[in-house]
Amino acid sequence: MGLFDKVVSMVGETLSGGTENKGLMEHVLNLVNHPEVGGLSGLIEKFNSNGLGDIVASWVGKGVNQPVSGDQMASTLGMDKISEIASSLGISQTQAADGLASVLPQLIDKLTPEGSVPENNVLQQGLSLLAKHFLKG
């Protein structure tokens, strides 16, 4: 199974959880693909800068993924981003942060099967296809 197939499978499994999961996955894909964040590399750098380099390295690497807490997620992404996601989904900030803490490590893991971040252009094309396929209204 190729990289794209693995990510499609993971997104499909997450979205099968209902509307809230679909909305959460949409936000996660936007985080990973957003130029303002710097794409996947920029997002990884945010975790490194926040003292969570070992954790995010486990998601990128080939070993077992270390967990991240909702509080760590909120600290890394900022409460403004967590509040925006929570408001958009009609859930609490805690639920949004915990949801991101559950989904984002899996997505980063699937996007980096070789233990390194793929070239940005290839990654953006794949994520754009995912967003169009799974998140269309």
N, C-alpha and C. Protein backbone atom coordinates (compact mmCIF):
# COMPACT_ATOMS: atom_id res chain seq x y z
N MET A 1 0.85 -1.18 0.00
CA MET A 1 0.00 0.00 0.00
C MET A 1 0.89 1.23 0.00
N GLY A 2 0.66 2.16 -0.96
CA GLY A 2 1.47 3.36 -1.06
C GLY A 2 1.08 4.42 -0.04
N LEU A 3 1.89 5.47 0.02
CA LEU A 3 1.67 6.56 0.96
C LEU A 3 0.27 7.14 0.82
N PHE A 4 -0.10 7.48 -0.40
CA PHE A 4 -1.41 8.09 -0.62
C PHE A 4 -2.53 7.16 -0.18
N ASP A 5 -2.40 5.87 -0.49
CA ASP A 5 -3.43 4.90 -0.10
C ASP A 5 -3.56 4.81 1.42
N LYS A 6 -2.42 4.84 2.12
CA LYS A 6 -2.45 4.77 3.58
C LYS A 6 -3.15 5.99 4.18
N VAL A 7 -2.84 7.16 3.64
CA VAL A 7 -3.45 8.38 4.15
C VAL A 7 -4.94 8.39 3.84
N VAL A 8 -5.31 7.99 2.63
CA VAL A 8 -6.72 7.92 2.26
C VAL A 8 -7.47 6.97 3.20
N SER A 9 -6.87 5.83 3.49
CA SER A 9 -7.49 4.87 4.40
C SER A 9 -7.69 5.47 5.78
N MET A 10 -6.65 6.15 6.30
CA MET A 10 -6.75 6.75 7.63
C MET A 10 -7.80 7.85 7.67
N VAL A 11 -7.82 8.69 6.63
CA VAL A 11 -8.82 9.75 6.58
C VAL A 11 -10.21 9.15 6.51
N GLY A 12 -10.38 8.12 5.70
CA GLY A 12 -11.68 7.46 5.59
C GLY A 12 -12.15 6.89 6.91
N GLU A 13 -11.24 6.25 7.64
CA GLU A 13 -11.59 5.69 8.95
C GLU A 13 -12.00 6.79 9.92
N THR A 14 -11.27 7.90 9.91
CA THR A 14 -11.59 9.00 10.81
C THR A 14 -12.93 9.62 10.45
N LEU A 15 -13.17 9.78 9.16
CA LEU A 15 -14.42 10.41 8.73
C LEU A 15 -15.62 9.52 8.98
N SER A 16 -15.41 8.22 9.07
CA SER A 16 -16.55 7.33 9.32
C SER A 16 -17.11 7.54 10.71
N GLY A 17 -16.39 8.29 11.55
CA GLY A 17 -16.85 8.58 12.90
C GLY A 17 -17.94 9.63 12.95
N GLY A 18 -18.28 10.26 11.85
CA GLY A 18 -19.38 11.21 11.83
C GLY A 18 -18.94 12.62 11.49
N THR A 19 -19.89 13.54 11.60
CA THR A 19 -19.70 14.92 11.20
C THR A 19 -18.59 15.61 11.99
N GLU A 20 -18.54 15.38 13.30
CA GLU A 20 -17.51 16.02 14.12
C GLU A 20 -16.12 15.58 13.66
N ASN A 21 -15.96 14.28 13.38
CA ASN A 21 -14.67 13.78 12.90
C ASN A 21 -14.33 14.36 11.53
N LYS A 22 -15.33 14.50 10.68
CA LYS A 22 -15.08 15.08 9.36
C LYS A 22 -14.58 16.51 9.51
N GLY A 23 -15.23 17.27 10.37
CA GLY A 23 -14.80 18.65 10.60
C GLY A 23 -13.41 18.73 11.19
N LEU A 24 -13.13 17.85 12.13
CA LEU A 24 -11.81 17.82 12.75
C LEU A 24 -10.74 17.47 11.72
N MET A 25 -11.01 16.47 10.90
CA MET A 25 -10.04 16.07 9.88
C MET A 25 -9.83 17.21 8.88
N GLU A 26 -10.88 17.94 8.57
CA GLU A 26 -10.74 19.08 7.66
C GLU A 26 -9.75 20.09 8.25
N HIS A 27 -9.88 20.36 9.54
CA HIS A 27 -8.96 21.30 10.20
C HIS A 27 -7.54 20.75 10.24
N VAL A 28 -7.40 19.47 10.49
CA VAL A 28 -6.06 18.86 10.53
C VAL A 28 -5.41 18.94 9.15
N LEU A 29 -6.15 18.61 8.10
CA LEU A 29 -5.60 18.71 6.75
C LEU A 29 -5.23 20.14 6.41
N ASN A 30 -6.05 21.10 6.86
CA ASN A 30 -5.73 22.51 6.63
C ASN A 30 -4.45 22.91 7.36
N LEU A 31 -4.28 22.43 8.58
CA LEU A 31 -3.05 22.73 9.33
C LEU A 31 -1.82 22.21 8.60
N VAL A 32 -1.90 20.99 8.13
CA VAL A 32 -0.75 20.35 7.49
C VAL A 32 -0.47 20.95 6.12
N ASN A 33 -1.48 21.50 5.49
CA ASN A 33 -1.35 21.98 4.11
C ASN A 33 -1.34 23.50 4.00
N HIS A 34 -1.50 24.22 5.11
CA HIS A 34 -1.66 25.68 5.05
C HIS A 34 -0.31 26.38 4.89
N PRO A 35 -0.19 27.25 3.87
CA PRO A 35 1.07 27.95 3.65
C PRO A 35 1.49 28.83 4.84
N GLU A 36 0.51 29.40 5.55
CA GLU A 36 0.81 30.26 6.70
C GLU A 36 1.54 29.48 7.80
N VAL A 37 1.19 28.22 7.95
CA VAL A 37 1.83 27.36 8.95
C VAL A 37 3.19 26.88 8.43
N GLY A 38 3.33 26.83 7.12
CA GLY A 38 4.57 26.33 6.53
C GLY A 38 4.46 24.88 6.11
N GLY A 39 3.22 24.41 5.96
CA GLY A 39 3.02 23.03 5.56
C GLY A 39 3.44 22.08 6.66
N LEU A 40 3.67 20.85 6.30
CA LEU A 40 4.05 19.83 7.27
C LEU A 40 5.36 20.18 7.96
N SER A 41 6.33 20.68 7.21
CA SER A 41 7.62 21.04 7.80
C SER A 41 7.46 22.14 8.84
N GLY A 42 6.66 23.14 8.54
CA GLY A 42 6.42 24.24 9.48
C GLY A 42 5.70 23.77 10.72
N LEU A 43 4.76 22.86 10.55
CA LEU A 43 4.03 22.32 11.69
C LEU A 43 4.97 21.52 12.59
N ILE A 44 5.82 20.72 11.99
CA ILE A 44 6.80 19.96 12.76
C ILE A 44 7.73 20.90 13.52
N GLU A 45 8.13 21.99 12.86
CA GLU A 45 9.01 22.96 13.51
C GLU A 45 8.32 23.61 14.73
N LYS A 46 7.01 23.82 14.65
CA LYS A 46 6.28 24.37 15.80
C LYS A 46 6.42 23.44 17.01
N PHE A 47 6.30 22.14 16.78
CA PHE A 47 6.45 21.18 17.88
C PHE A 47 7.89 21.19 18.40
N ASN A 48 8.86 21.25 17.49
CA ASN A 48 10.26 21.31 17.91
C ASN A 48 10.52 22.55 18.76
N SER A 49 10.01 23.69 18.32
CA SER A 49 10.21 24.96 19.04
C SER A 49 9.53 24.97 20.40
N ASN A 50 8.52 24.15 20.56
CA ASN A 50 7.78 24.10 21.82
C ASN A 50 8.31 23.00 22.76
N GLY A 51 9.49 22.47 22.44
CA GLY A 51 10.11 21.46 23.30
C GLY A 51 9.56 20.06 23.13
N LEU A 52 8.84 19.83 22.03
CA LEU A 52 8.23 18.52 21.79
C LEU A 52 8.89 17.80 20.62
N GLY A 53 10.16 18.10 20.39
CA GLY A 53 10.88 17.51 19.27
C GLY A 53 10.94 16.00 19.30
N ASP A 54 11.14 15.43 20.49
CA ASP A 54 11.20 13.96 20.60
C ASP A 54 9.86 13.33 20.25
N ILE A 55 8.79 13.99 20.66
CA ILE A 55 7.45 13.45 20.38
C ILE A 55 7.16 13.49 18.89
N VAL A 56 7.36 14.66 18.26
CA VAL A 56 7.05 14.77 16.83
C VAL A 56 8.01 13.91 16.01
N ALA A 57 9.25 13.76 16.47
CA ALA A 57 10.20 12.88 15.76
C ALA A 57 9.70 11.44 15.76
N SER A 58 9.00 11.04 16.82
CA SER A 58 8.47 9.67 16.85
C SER A 58 7.35 9.48 15.83
N TRP A 59 6.63 10.54 15.53
CA TRP A 59 5.56 10.45 14.52
C TRP A 59 6.16 10.34 13.13
N VAL A 60 7.24 11.07 12.91
CA VAL A 60 7.90 11.07 11.60
C VAL A 60 8.71 9.78 11.42
N GLY A 61 9.36 9.33 12.48
CA GLY A 61 10.20 8.15 12.41
C GLY A 61 9.40 6.87 12.23
N LYS A 62 10.13 5.79 12.15
CA LYS A 62 9.50 4.49 11.87
C LYS A 62 9.09 3.72 13.11
N GLY A 63 9.38 4.23 14.30
CA GLY A 63 9.04 3.52 15.53
C GLY A 63 7.62 3.82 16.00
N VAL A 64 7.40 3.53 17.27
CA VAL A 64 6.10 3.75 17.90
C VAL A 64 5.89 5.25 18.11
N ASN A 65 4.67 5.72 17.82
CA ASN A 65 4.33 7.13 18.02
C ASN A 65 4.15 7.43 19.50
N GLN A 66 4.86 8.44 19.99
CA GLN A 66 4.65 8.90 21.35
C GLN A 66 3.38 9.74 21.39
N PRO A 67 2.62 9.66 22.47
CA PRO A 67 1.39 10.45 22.57
C PRO A 67 1.69 11.91 22.87
N VAL A 68 0.75 12.75 22.52
CA VAL A 68 0.79 14.17 22.85
C VAL A 68 -0.53 14.48 23.54
N SER A 69 -0.49 15.34 24.53
CA SER A 69 -1.72 15.67 25.25
C SER A 69 -2.44 16.83 24.57
N GLY A 70 -3.68 17.00 24.91
CA GLY A 70 -4.44 18.14 24.41
C GLY A 70 -3.81 19.45 24.85
N ASP A 71 -3.30 19.49 26.09
CA ASP A 71 -2.63 20.69 26.59
C ASP A 71 -1.38 21.01 25.79
N GLN A 72 -0.60 19.98 25.46
CA GLN A 72 0.59 20.19 24.64
C GLN A 72 0.21 20.66 23.24
N MET A 73 -0.87 20.11 22.71
CA MET A 73 -1.34 20.51 21.39
C MET A 73 -1.75 21.99 21.42
N ALA A 74 -2.50 22.38 22.46
CA ALA A 74 -2.95 23.76 22.58
C ALA A 74 -1.76 24.71 22.74
N SER A 75 -0.78 24.31 23.52
CA SER A 75 0.41 25.13 23.73
C SER A 75 1.19 25.31 22.43
N THR A 76 1.25 24.27 21.63
CA THR A 76 2.01 24.32 20.38
C THR A 76 1.28 25.11 19.30
N LEU A 77 0.00 24.85 19.13
CA LEU A 77 -0.76 25.51 18.06
C LEU A 77 -1.29 26.87 18.47
N GLY A 78 -1.42 27.09 19.77
CA GLY A 78 -1.95 28.35 20.28
C GLY A 78 -3.44 28.25 20.55
N MET A 79 -3.86 28.92 21.60
CA MET A 79 -5.27 28.85 21.99
C MET A 79 -6.18 29.51 20.96
N ASP A 80 -5.67 30.47 20.21
CA ASP A 80 -6.50 31.08 19.17
C ASP A 80 -6.91 30.04 18.13
N LYS A 81 -5.96 29.20 17.72
CA LYS A 81 -6.25 28.16 16.73
C LYS A 81 -7.20 27.11 17.31
N ILE A 82 -6.96 26.72 18.57
CA ILE A 82 -7.84 25.75 19.23
C ILE A 82 -9.24 26.31 19.36
N SER A 83 -9.35 27.58 19.75
CA SER A 83 -10.67 28.23 19.89
C SER A 83 -11.39 28.31 18.55
N GLU A 84 -10.64 28.62 17.51
CA GLU A 84 -11.22 28.70 16.16
C GLU A 84 -11.80 27.34 15.74
N ILE A 85 -11.04 26.29 15.98
CA ILE A 85 -11.49 24.94 15.62
C ILE A 85 -12.69 24.54 16.46
N ALA A 86 -12.61 24.79 17.76
CA ALA A 86 -13.71 24.43 18.66
C ALA A 86 -14.99 25.15 18.27
N SER A 87 -14.88 26.44 18.00
CA SER A 87 -16.05 27.23 17.61
C SER A 87 -16.64 26.72 16.30
N SER A 88 -15.78 26.43 15.35
CA SER A 88 -16.22 25.93 14.05
C SER A 88 -16.98 24.61 14.16
N LEU A 89 -16.53 23.76 15.09
CA LEU A 89 -17.13 22.43 15.25
C LEU A 89 -18.23 22.39 16.30
N GLY A 90 -18.39 23.47 17.06
CA GLY A 90 -19.40 23.49 18.11
C GLY A 90 -19.04 22.58 19.28
N ILE A 91 -17.75 22.51 19.59
CA ILE A 91 -17.28 21.67 20.70
C ILE A 91 -16.43 22.54 21.63
N SER A 92 -16.08 22.00 22.78
CA SER A 92 -15.25 22.75 23.72
C SER A 92 -13.80 22.81 23.23
N GLN A 93 -13.06 23.74 23.79
CA GLN A 93 -11.64 23.85 23.45
C GLN A 93 -10.90 22.58 23.86
N THR A 94 -11.28 22.02 24.99
CA THR A 94 -10.64 20.77 25.45
C THR A 94 -10.89 19.65 24.46
N GLN A 95 -12.14 19.53 23.98
CA GLN A 95 -12.46 18.49 23.00
C GLN A 95 -11.68 18.70 21.70
N ALA A 96 -11.56 19.95 21.28
CA ALA A 96 -10.82 20.25 20.05
C ALA A 96 -9.35 19.88 20.21
N ALA A 97 -8.75 20.30 21.31
CA ALA A 97 -7.33 20.01 21.54
C ALA A 97 -7.08 18.51 21.67
N ASP A 98 -7.96 17.82 22.40
CA ASP A 98 -7.82 16.37 22.55
C ASP A 98 -8.03 15.65 21.22
N GLY A 99 -8.98 16.13 20.42
CA GLY A 99 -9.21 15.54 19.10
C GLY A 99 -8.00 15.69 18.19
N LEU A 100 -7.42 16.89 18.19
CA LEU A 100 -6.21 17.12 17.40
C LEU A 100 -5.07 16.24 17.89
N ALA A 101 -4.97 16.09 19.21
CA ALA A 101 -3.91 15.26 19.80
C ALA A 101 -4.07 13.80 19.39
N SER A 102 -5.28 13.40 19.10
CA SER A 102 -5.55 12.03 18.68
C SER A 102 -5.27 11.82 17.19
N VAL A 103 -5.67 12.79 16.37
CA VAL A 103 -5.63 12.62 14.91
C VAL A 103 -4.31 13.07 14.28
N LEU A 104 -3.77 14.20 14.72
CA LEU A 104 -2.59 14.76 14.06
C LEU A 104 -1.38 13.82 14.08
N PRO A 105 -1.06 13.17 15.20
CA PRO A 105 0.08 12.23 15.17
C PRO A 105 -0.09 11.11 14.15
N GLN A 106 -1.31 10.61 14.02
CA GLN A 106 -1.57 9.54 13.05
C GLN A 106 -1.35 10.03 11.63
N LEU A 107 -1.84 11.25 11.35
CA LEU A 107 -1.71 11.79 10.00
C LEU A 107 -0.24 12.04 9.67
N ILE A 108 0.49 12.66 10.59
CA ILE A 108 1.91 12.91 10.34
C ILE A 108 2.65 11.59 10.14
N ASP A 109 2.31 10.59 10.93
CA ASP A 109 2.92 9.27 10.79
C ASP A 109 2.67 8.70 9.39
N LYS A 110 1.43 8.80 8.91
CA LYS A 110 1.09 8.26 7.59
C LYS A 110 1.74 9.05 6.46
N LEU A 111 1.95 10.36 6.68
CA LEU A 111 2.54 11.20 5.65
C LEU A 111 4.06 11.05 5.57
N THR A 112 4.65 10.37 6.54
CA THR A 112 6.11 10.22 6.59
C THR A 112 6.52 8.76 6.75
N PRO A 113 6.07 7.87 5.86
CA PRO A 113 6.33 6.44 6.05
C PRO A 113 7.80 6.05 5.94
N GLU A 114 8.59 6.86 5.27
CA GLU A 114 10.01 6.56 5.11
C GLU A 114 10.85 7.17 6.22
N GLY A 115 10.20 7.80 7.19
CA GLY A 115 10.93 8.40 8.30
C GLY A 115 11.45 9.79 8.02
N SER A 116 10.95 10.41 6.95
CA SER A 116 11.34 11.78 6.63
C SER A 116 10.16 12.49 5.97
N VAL A 117 10.22 13.81 5.99
CA VAL A 117 9.15 14.62 5.41
C VAL A 117 9.32 14.63 3.89
N PRO A 118 8.25 14.25 3.16
CA PRO A 118 8.35 14.25 1.69
C PRO A 118 8.46 15.68 1.16
N GLU A 119 8.88 15.78 -0.09
CA GLU A 119 8.98 17.10 -0.72
C GLU A 119 7.64 17.80 -0.64
N ASN A 120 7.69 19.09 -0.36
CA ASN A 120 6.49 19.86 -0.10
C ASN A 120 5.50 19.83 -1.26
N ASN A 121 5.97 19.93 -2.49
CA ASN A 121 5.08 19.98 -3.64
C ASN A 121 4.27 18.69 -3.77
N VAL A 122 4.93 17.56 -3.61
CA VAL A 122 4.24 16.27 -3.70
C VAL A 122 3.22 16.14 -2.57
N LEU A 123 3.61 16.54 -1.37
CA LEU A 123 2.73 16.46 -0.22
C LEU A 123 1.51 17.36 -0.40
N GLN A 124 1.72 18.59 -0.86
CA GLN A 124 0.60 19.51 -1.06
C GLN A 124 -0.37 18.99 -2.10
N GLN A 125 0.14 18.42 -3.17
CA GLN A 125 -0.74 17.87 -4.20
C GLN A 125 -1.59 16.74 -3.63
N GLY A 126 -0.97 15.86 -2.87
CA GLY A 126 -1.70 14.75 -2.27
C GLY A 126 -2.74 15.21 -1.27
N LEU A 127 -2.38 16.17 -0.43
CA LEU A 127 -3.33 16.68 0.56
C LEU A 127 -4.48 17.43 -0.11
N SER A 128 -4.19 18.15 -1.17
CA SER A 128 -5.25 18.84 -1.90
C SER A 128 -6.24 17.84 -2.49
N LEU A 129 -5.72 16.75 -3.04
CA LEU A 129 -6.59 15.70 -3.57
C LEU A 129 -7.45 15.09 -2.46
N LEU A 130 -6.84 14.83 -1.31
CA LEU A 130 -7.59 14.29 -0.17
C LEU A 130 -8.71 15.23 0.24
N ALA A 131 -8.37 16.49 0.38
CA ALA A 131 -9.36 17.46 0.81
C ALA A 131 -10.52 17.52 -0.18
N LYS A 132 -10.21 17.54 -1.46
CA LYS A 132 -11.27 17.60 -2.47
C LYS A 132 -12.14 16.34 -2.44
N HIS A 133 -11.51 15.19 -2.25
CA HIS A 133 -12.25 13.93 -2.29
C HIS A 133 -13.11 13.71 -1.06
N PHE A 134 -12.53 13.92 0.12
CA PHE A 134 -13.22 13.57 1.36
C PHE A 134 -14.02 14.71 1.98
N LEU A 135 -13.64 15.93 1.72
CA LEU A 135 -14.23 17.03 2.46
C LEU A 135 -15.18 17.87 1.63
N LYS A 136 -15.55 17.38 0.48
CA LYS A 136 -16.51 18.12 -0.33
C LYS A 136 -17.87 18.09 0.35
N GLY A 137 -18.58 19.18 0.20
CA GLY A 137 -19.84 19.34 0.90
C GLY A 137 -20.87 18.41 0.44
